[in-house]
PDB file of N, CA and C in Angstrom:
ATOM      1  N   MET A   1      -6.612  -6.172  19.165  1.00  0.00           N
ATOM      2  CA  MET A   1      -5.682  -5.062  19.287  1.00  0.00           C
ATOM      3  C   MET A   1      -4.302  -5.628  19.601  1.00  0.00           C
ATOM      4  N   VAL A   2      -3.303  -5.037  18.960  1.00  0.00           N
ATOM      5  CA  VAL A   2      -1.920  -5.439  19.178  1.00  0.00           C
ATOM      6  C   VAL A   2      -1.169  -4.218  19.693  1.00  0.00           C
ATOM      7  N   GLU A   3      -0.513  -4.357  20.825  1.00  0.00           N
ATOM      8  CA  GLU A   3       0.273  -3.257  21.383  1.00  0.00           C
ATOM      9  C   GLU A   3       1.690  -3.345  20.838  1.00  0.00           C
ATOM     10  N   LEU A   4       2.194  -2.216  20.330  1.00  0.00           N
ATOM     11  CA  LEU A   4       3.536  -2.164  19.767  1.00  0.00           C
ATOM     12  C   LEU A   4       4.406  -1.296  20.666  1.00  0.00           C
ATOM     13  N   LYS A   5       5.639  -1.711  20.868  1.00  0.00           N
ATOM     14  CA  LYS A   5       6.583  -0.956  21.672  1.00  0.00           C
ATOM     15  C   LYS A   5       7.459  -0.121  20.754  1.00  0.00           C
ATOM     16  N   ILE A   6       7.614   1.142  21.074  1.00  0.00           N
ATOM     17  CA  ILE A   6       8.451   2.046  20.282  1.00  0.00           C
ATOM     18  C   ILE A   6       9.901   1.870  20.730  1.00  0.00           C
ATOM     19  N   ARG A   7      10.789   1.699  19.747  1.00  0.00           N
ATOM     20  CA  ARG A   7      12.211   1.502  20.030  1.00  0.00           C
ATOM     21  C   ARG A   7      13.039   2.486  19.228  1.00  0.00           C
ATOM     22  N   LYS A   8      14.232   2.733  19.711  1.00  0.00           N
ATOM     23  CA  LYS A   8      15.154   3.627  19.017  1.00  0.00           C
ATOM     24  C   LYS A   8      16.030   2.803  18.081  1.00  0.00           C
ATOM     25  N   PHE A   9      16.102   3.247  16.813  1.00  0.00           N
ATOM     26  CA  PHE A   9      16.960   2.627  15.801  1.00  0.00           C
ATOM     27  C   PHE A   9      17.854   3.731  15.253  1.00  0.00           C
ATOM     28  N   GLY A  10      19.086   3.820  15.735  1.00  0.00           N
ATOM     29  CA  GLY A  10      19.973   4.912  15.324  1.00  0.00           C
ATOM     30  C   GLY A  10      19.384   6.230  15.794  1.00  0.00           C
ATOM     31  N   ASN A  11      19.163   7.166  14.874  1.00  0.00           N
ATOM     32  CA  ASN A  11      18.576   8.456  15.216  1.00  0.00           C
ATOM     33  C   ASN A  11      17.059   8.477  15.018  1.00  0.00           C
ATOM     34  N   SER A  12      16.468   7.330  14.721  1.00  0.00           N
ATOM     35  CA  SER A  12      15.036   7.253  14.441  1.00  0.00           C
ATOM     36  C   SER A  12      14.323   6.410  15.490  1.00  0.00           C
ATOM     37  N   LEU A  13      13.011   6.477  15.459  1.00  0.00           N
ATOM     38  CA  LEU A  13      12.185   5.619  16.288  1.00  0.00           C
ATOM     39  C   LEU A  13      11.436   4.663  15.376  1.00  0.00           C
ATOM     40  N   GLY A  14      11.163   3.472  15.866  1.00  0.00           N
ATOM     41  CA  GLY A  14      10.442   2.499  15.062  1.00  0.00           C
ATOM     42  C   GLY A  14       9.703   1.518  15.941  1.00  0.00           C
ATOM     43  N   VAL A  15       8.939   0.674  15.302  1.00  0.00           N
ATOM     44  CA  VAL A  15       8.217  -0.396  16.002  1.00  0.00           C
ATOM     45  C   VAL A  15       8.552  -1.717  15.329  1.00  0.00           C
ATOM     46  N   VAL A  16       8.499  -2.779  16.098  1.00  0.00           N
ATOM     47  CA  VAL A  16       8.704  -4.122  15.569  1.00  0.00           C
ATOM     48  C   VAL A  16       7.330  -4.760  15.470  1.00  0.00           C
ATOM     49  N   LEU A  17       6.997  -5.262  14.292  1.00  0.00           N
ATOM     50  CA  LEU A  17       5.696  -5.887  14.079  1.00  0.00           C
ATOM     51  C   LEU A  17       5.781  -7.374  14.422  1.00  0.00           C
ATOM     52  N   PRO A  18       4.842  -7.866  15.226  1.00  0.00           N
ATOM     53  CA  PRO A  18       4.821  -9.302  15.532  1.00  0.00           C
ATOM     54  C   PRO A  18       4.545 -10.126  14.276  1.00  0.00           C
ATOM     55  N   LYS A  19       4.950 -11.384  14.311  1.00  0.00           N
ATOM     56  CA  LYS A  19       4.820 -12.272  13.154  1.00  0.00           C
ATOM     57  C   LYS A  19       3.376 -12.355  12.656  1.00  0.00           C
ATOM     58  N   GLU A  20       2.402 -12.413  13.555  1.00  0.00           N
ATOM     59  CA  GLU A  20       1.002 -12.528  13.132  1.00  0.00           C
ATOM     60  C   GLU A  20       0.534 -11.273  12.394  1.00  0.00           C
ATOM     61  N   VAL A  21       1.055 -10.109  12.746  1.00  0.00           N
ATOM     62  CA  VAL A  21       0.709  -8.872  12.039  1.00  0.00           C
ATOM     63  C   VAL A  21       1.349  -8.878  10.652  1.00  0.00           C
ATOM     64  N   ILE A  22       2.587  -9.299  10.577  1.00  0.00           N
ATOM     65  CA  ILE A  22       3.288  -9.377   9.289  1.00  0.00           C
ATOM     66  C   ILE A  22       2.554 -10.330   8.350  1.00  0.00           C
ATOM     67  N   ASN A  23       2.124 -11.469   8.868  1.00  0.00           N
ATOM     68  CA  ASN A  23       1.380 -12.430   8.043  1.00  0.00           C
ATOM     69  C   ASN A  23       0.050 -11.838   7.576  1.00  0.00           C
ATOM     70  N   ARG A  24      -0.640 -11.167   8.460  1.00  0.00           N
ATOM     71  CA  ARG A  24      -1.939 -10.595   8.098  1.00  0.00           C
ATOM     72  C   ARG A  24      -1.795  -9.481   7.059  1.00  0.00           C
ATOM     73  N   LEU A  25      -0.718  -8.704   7.145  1.00  0.00           N
ATOM     74  CA  LEU A  25      -0.463  -7.640   6.171  1.00  0.00           C
ATOM     75  C   LEU A  25       0.128  -8.192   4.872  1.00  0.00           C
ATOM     76  N   GLN A  26       0.433  -9.475   4.853  1.00  0.00           N
ATOM     77  CA  GLN A  26       1.011 -10.139   3.688  1.00  0.00           C
ATOM     78  C   GLN A  26       2.252  -9.403   3.177  1.00  0.00           C
ATOM     79  N   THR A  27       3.170  -9.142   4.098  1.00  0.00           N
ATOM     80  CA  THR A  27       4.414  -8.464   3.745  1.00  0.00           C
ATOM     81  C   THR A  27       5.590  -9.308   4.221  1.00  0.00           C
ATOM     82  N   GLU A  28       6.781  -8.854   3.922  1.00  0.00           N
ATOM     83  CA  GLU A  28       7.985  -9.579   4.296  1.00  0.00           C
ATOM     84  C   GLU A  28       9.123  -8.586   4.477  1.00  0.00           C
ATOM     85  N   GLU A  29      10.278  -9.091   4.838  1.00  0.00           N
ATOM     86  CA  GLU A  29      11.449  -8.234   5.012  1.00  0.00           C
ATOM     87  C   GLU A  29      11.717  -7.454   3.725  1.00  0.00           C
ATOM     88  N   ASP A  30      12.017  -6.193   3.853  1.00  0.00           N
ATOM     89  CA  ASP A  30      12.253  -5.261   2.743  1.00  0.00           C
ATOM     90  C   ASP A  30      10.978  -4.946   1.959  1.00  0.00           C
ATOM     91  N   GLY A  31       9.827  -5.410   2.454  1.00  0.00           N
ATOM     92  CA  GLY A  31       8.557  -5.052   1.832  1.00  0.00           C
ATOM     93  C   GLY A  31       8.206  -3.610   2.179  1.00  0.00           C
ATOM     94  N   ARG A  32       7.121  -3.135   1.608  1.00  0.00           N
ATOM     95  CA  ARG A  32       6.701  -1.757   1.864  1.00  0.00           C
ATOM     96  C   ARG A  32       5.331  -1.752   2.505  1.00  0.00           C
ATOM     97  N   LEU A  33       5.174  -0.875   3.492  1.00  0.00           N
ATOM     98  CA  LEU A  33       3.883  -0.635   4.122  1.00  0.00           C
ATOM     99  C   LEU A  33       3.611   0.855   4.042  1.00  0.00           C
ATOM    100  N   PHE A  34       2.343   1.214   4.039  1.00  0.00           N
ATOM    101  CA  PHE A  34       1.946   2.615   3.932  1.00  0.00           C
ATOM    102  C   PHE A  34       1.115   2.986   5.148  1.00  0.00           C
ATOM    103  N   LEU A  35       1.474   4.082   5.797  1.00  0.00           N
ATOM    104  CA  LEU A  35       0.743   4.608   6.937  1.00  0.00           C
ATOM    105  C   LEU A  35      -0.119   5.739   6.416  1.00  0.00           C
ATOM    106  N   ILE A  36      -1.433   5.523   6.415  1.00  0.00           N
ATOM    107  CA  ILE A  36      -2.370   6.471   5.826  1.00  0.00           C
ATOM    108  C   ILE A  36      -3.142   7.161   6.940  1.00  0.00           C
ATOM    109  N   GLU A  37      -3.205   8.477   6.869  1.00  0.00           N
ATOM    110  CA  GLU A  37      -3.976   9.224   7.856  1.00  0.00           C
ATOM    111  C   GLU A  37      -5.441   9.220   7.445  1.00  0.00           C
ATOM    112  N   ALA A  38      -6.295   8.769   8.349  1.00  0.00           N
ATOM    113  CA  ALA A  38      -7.734   8.723   8.089  1.00  0.00           C
ATOM    114  C   ALA A  38      -8.339  10.094   8.376  1.00  0.00           C
ATOM    115  N   GLY A  39      -9.556  10.299   7.916  1.00  0.00           N
ATOM    116  CA  GLY A  39     -10.226  11.581   8.082  1.00  0.00           C
ATOM    117  C   GLY A  39     -10.474  11.961   9.524  1.00  0.00           C
ATOM    118  N   ASP A  40     -10.602  10.984  10.402  1.00  0.00           N
ATOM    119  CA  ASP A  40     -10.893  11.275  11.810  1.00  0.00           C
ATOM    120  C   ASP A  40      -9.637  11.417  12.668  1.00  0.00           C
ATOM    121  N   GLY A  41      -8.465  11.490  12.024  1.00  0.00           N
ATOM    122  CA  GLY A  41      -7.213  11.680  12.754  1.00  0.00           C
ATOM    123  C   GLY A  41      -6.514  10.373  13.108  1.00  0.00           C
ATOM    124  N   ASP A  42      -7.165   9.243  12.865  1.00  0.00           N
ATOM    125  CA  ASP A  42      -6.537   7.940  13.096  1.00  0.00           C
ATOM    126  C   ASP A  42      -5.605   7.613  11.947  1.00  0.00           C
ATOM    127  N   TYR A  43      -4.827   6.548  12.119  1.00  0.00           N
ATOM    128  CA  TYR A  43      -3.918   6.084  11.080  1.00  0.00           C
ATOM    129  C   TYR A  43      -4.245   4.647  10.716  1.00  0.00           C
ATOM    130  N   ARG A  44      -3.939   4.293   9.483  1.00  0.00           N
ATOM    131  CA  ARG A  44      -4.159   2.941   8.985  1.00  0.00           C
ATOM    132  C   ARG A  44      -2.864   2.448   8.358  1.00  0.00           C
ATOM    133  N   LEU A  45      -2.430   1.250   8.724  1.00  0.00           N
ATOM    134  CA  LEU A  45      -1.230   0.632   8.178  1.00  0.00           C
ATOM    135  C   LEU A  45      -1.663  -0.402   7.144  1.00  0.00           C
ATOM    136  N   THR A  46      -1.187  -0.250   5.907  1.00  0.00           N
ATOM    137  CA  THR A  46      -1.630  -1.123   4.828  1.00  0.00           C
ATOM    138  C   THR A  46      -0.491  -1.420   3.857  1.00  0.00           C
ATOM    139  N   PRO A  47      -0.505  -2.594   3.226  1.00  0.00           N
ATOM    140  CA  PRO A  47       0.505  -2.894   2.211  1.00  0.00           C
ATOM    141  C   PRO A  47       0.134  -2.324   0.850  1.00  0.00           C
ATOM    142  N   TYR A  48      -1.050  -1.753   0.717  1.00  0.00           N
ATOM    143  CA  TYR A  48      -1.527  -1.261  -0.575  1.00  0.00           C
ATOM    144  C   TYR A  48      -1.241   0.224  -0.741  1.00  0.00           C
ATOM    145  N   ASP A  49      -0.606   0.569  -1.840  1.00  0.00           N
ATOM    146  CA  ASP A  49      -0.245   1.952  -2.149  1.00  0.00           C
ATOM    147  C   ASP A  49      -1.468   2.662  -2.722  1.00  0.00           C
ATOM    148  N   PRO A  50      -2.016   3.646  -2.011  1.00  0.00           N
ATOM    149  CA  PRO A  50      -3.195   4.346  -2.527  1.00  0.00           C
ATOM    150  C   PRO A  50      -2.899   5.112  -3.812  1.00  0.00           C
ATOM    151  N   GLY A  51      -1.688   5.561  -4.001  1.00  0.00           N
ATOM    152  CA  GLY A  51      -1.301   6.251  -5.234  1.00  0.00           C
ATOM    153  C   GLY A  51      -1.335   5.306  -6.425  1.00  0.00           C
ATOM    154  N   PHE A  52      -0.913   4.066  -6.214  1.00  0.00           N
ATOM    155  CA  PHE A  52      -0.942   3.062  -7.286  1.00  0.00           C
ATOM    156  C   PHE A  52      -2.378   2.751  -7.684  1.00  0.00           C
ATOM    157  N   GLU A  53      -3.254   2.658  -6.704  1.00  0.00           N
ATOM    158  CA  GLU A  53      -4.670   2.392  -6.982  1.00  0.00           C
ATOM    159  C   GLU A  53      -5.272   3.497  -7.847  1.00  0.00           C
ATOM    160  N   LYS A  54      -4.928   4.726  -7.546  1.00  0.00           N
ATOM    161  CA  LYS A  54      -5.427   5.869  -8.325  1.00  0.00           C
ATOM    162  C   LYS A  54      -4.917   5.791  -9.769  1.00  0.00           C
ATOM    163  N   LYS A  55      -3.645   5.452  -9.930  1.00  0.00           N
ATOM    164  CA  LYS A  55      -3.064   5.340 -11.273  1.00  0.00           C
ATOM    165  C   LYS A  55      -3.722   4.203 -12.065  1.00  0.00           C
ATOM    166  N   MET A  56      -4.032   3.095 -11.390  1.00  0.00           N
ATOM    167  CA  MET A  56      -4.662   1.973 -12.072  1.00  0.00           C
ATOM    168  C   MET A  56      -6.081   2.337 -12.524  1.00  0.00           C
ATOM    169  N   ARG A  57      -6.815   3.091 -11.718  1.00  0.00           N
ATOM    170  CA  ARG A  57      -8.149   3.530 -12.138  1.00  0.00           C
ATOM    171  C   ARG A  57      -8.063   4.386 -13.389  1.00  0.00           C
ATOM    172  N   LYS A  58      -7.062   5.272 -13.453  1.00  0.00           N
ATOM    173  CA  LYS A  58      -6.869   6.125 -14.620  1.00  0.00           C
ATOM    174  C   LYS A  58      -6.491   5.275 -15.839  1.00  0.00           C
ATOM    175  N   ALA A  59      -5.621   4.284 -15.645  1.00  0.00           N
ATOM    176  CA  ALA A  59      -5.218   3.405 -16.751  1.00  0.00           C
ATOM    177  C   ALA A  59      -6.418   2.621 -17.284  1.00  0.00           C
ATOM    178  N   GLU A  60      -7.267   2.135 -16.393  1.00  0.00           N
ATOM    179  CA  GLU A  60      -8.457   1.398 -16.823  1.00  0.00           C
ATOM    180  C   GLU A  60      -9.407   2.301 -17.609  1.00  0.00           C
ATOM    181  N   GLU A  61      -9.509   3.553 -17.186  1.00  0.00           N
ATOM    182  CA  GLU A  61     -10.339   4.523 -17.908  1.00  0.00           C
ATOM    183  C   GLU A  61      -9.809   4.739 -19.325  1.00  0.00           C
ATOM    184  N   ILE A  62      -8.505   4.884 -19.455  1.00  0.00           N
ATOM    185  CA  ILE A  62      -7.873   5.102 -20.762  1.00  0.00           C
ATOM    186  C   ILE A  62      -8.042   3.857 -21.641  1.00  0.00           C
ATOM    187  N   MET A  63      -7.815   2.678 -21.059  1.00  0.00           N
ATOM    188  CA  MET A  63      -7.960   1.442 -21.834  1.00  0.00           C
ATOM    189  C   MET A  63      -9.394   1.257 -22.312  1.00  0.00           C
ATOM    190  N   SER A  64     -10.338   1.637 -21.471  1.00  0.00           N
ATOM    191  CA  SER A  64     -11.748   1.533 -21.861  1.00  0.00           C
ATOM    192  C   SER A  64     -12.069   2.489 -23.006  1.00  0.00           C
ATOM    193  N   ARG A  65     -11.560   3.707 -22.916  1.00  0.00           N
ATOM    194  CA  ARG A  65     -11.826   4.730 -23.929  1.00  0.00           C
ATOM    195  C   ARG A  65     -11.217   4.341 -25.279  1.00  0.00           C
ATOM    196  N   TYR A  66     -10.028   3.759 -25.255  1.00  0.00           N
ATOM    197  CA  TYR A  66      -9.311   3.423 -26.490  1.00  0.00           C
ATOM    198  C   TYR A  66      -9.283   1.909 -26.726  1.00  0.00           C
ATOM    199  N   ARG A  67     -10.328   1.232 -26.323  1.00  0.00           N
ATOM    200  CA  ARG A  67     -10.397  -0.222 -26.426  1.00  0.00           C
ATOM    201  C   ARG A  67     -10.166  -0.710 -27.851  1.00  0.00           C
ATOM    202  N   ASN A  68     -10.870  -0.137 -28.814  1.00  0.00           N
ATOM    203  CA  ASN A  68     -10.735  -0.573 -30.220  1.00  0.00           C
ATOM    204  C   ASN A  68      -9.333  -0.321 -30.753  1.00  0.00           C
ATOM    205  N   THR A  69      -8.767   0.824 -30.428  1.00  0.00           N
ATOM    206  CA  THR A  69      -7.413   1.154 -30.882  1.00  0.00           C
ATOM    207  C   THR A  69      -6.393   0.175 -30.300  1.00  0.00           C
ATOM    208  N   LEU A  70      -6.511  -0.091 -29.017  1.00  0.00           N
ATOM    209  CA  LEU A  70      -5.577  -1.019 -28.375  1.00  0.00           C
ATOM    210  C   LEU A  70      -5.730  -2.433 -28.942  1.00  0.00           C
ATOM    211  N   HIS A  71      -6.973  -2.824 -29.231  1.00  0.00           N
ATOM    212  CA  HIS A  71      -7.201  -4.144 -29.824  1.00  0.00           C
ATOM    213  C   HIS A  71      -6.543  -4.234 -31.212  1.00  0.00           C
ATOM    214  N   ALA A  72      -6.662  -3.176 -32.015  1.00  0.00           N
ATOM    215  CA  ALA A  72      -6.040  -3.167 -33.344  1.00  0.00           C
ATOM    216  C   ALA A  72      -4.530  -3.199 -33.236  1.00  0.00           C
ATOM    217  N   LEU A  73      -3.974  -2.493 -32.276  1.00  0.00           N
ATOM    218  CA  LEU A  73      -2.514  -2.461 -32.107  1.00  0.00           C
ATOM    219  C   LEU A  73      -1.969  -3.800 -31.612  1.00  0.00           C
ATOM    220  N   SER A  74      -2.789  -4.572 -30.953  1.00  0.00           N
ATOM    221  CA  SER A  74      -2.306  -5.850 -30.395  1.00  0.00           C
ATOM    222  C   SER A  74      -2.173  -6.940 -31.454  1.00  0.00           C
ATOM    223  N   LYS A  75      -2.677  -6.699 -32.653  1.00  0.00           N
ATOM    224  CA  LYS A  75      -2.615  -7.729 -33.710  1.00  0.00           C
ATOM    225  C   LYS A  75      -1.263  -7.775 -34.362  1.00  0.00           C
TER     226      LYS A  75
END
């Protein structure tokens, strides 16, 4: 467990992530993190965009359905 201190940044509140957390999340300055609300009311901080994952599943479905067409177009 890592305890984070809440600080004021202008008119907003924020937290500073320790270096070991930044390394574990595989992010960097100006990177993006997503705070996802879990079903039990908890939150999860992740570098992975759940919306992007959903779009990729749909793209894979389309590519699978039109595999022959895409193969012909690639020639």
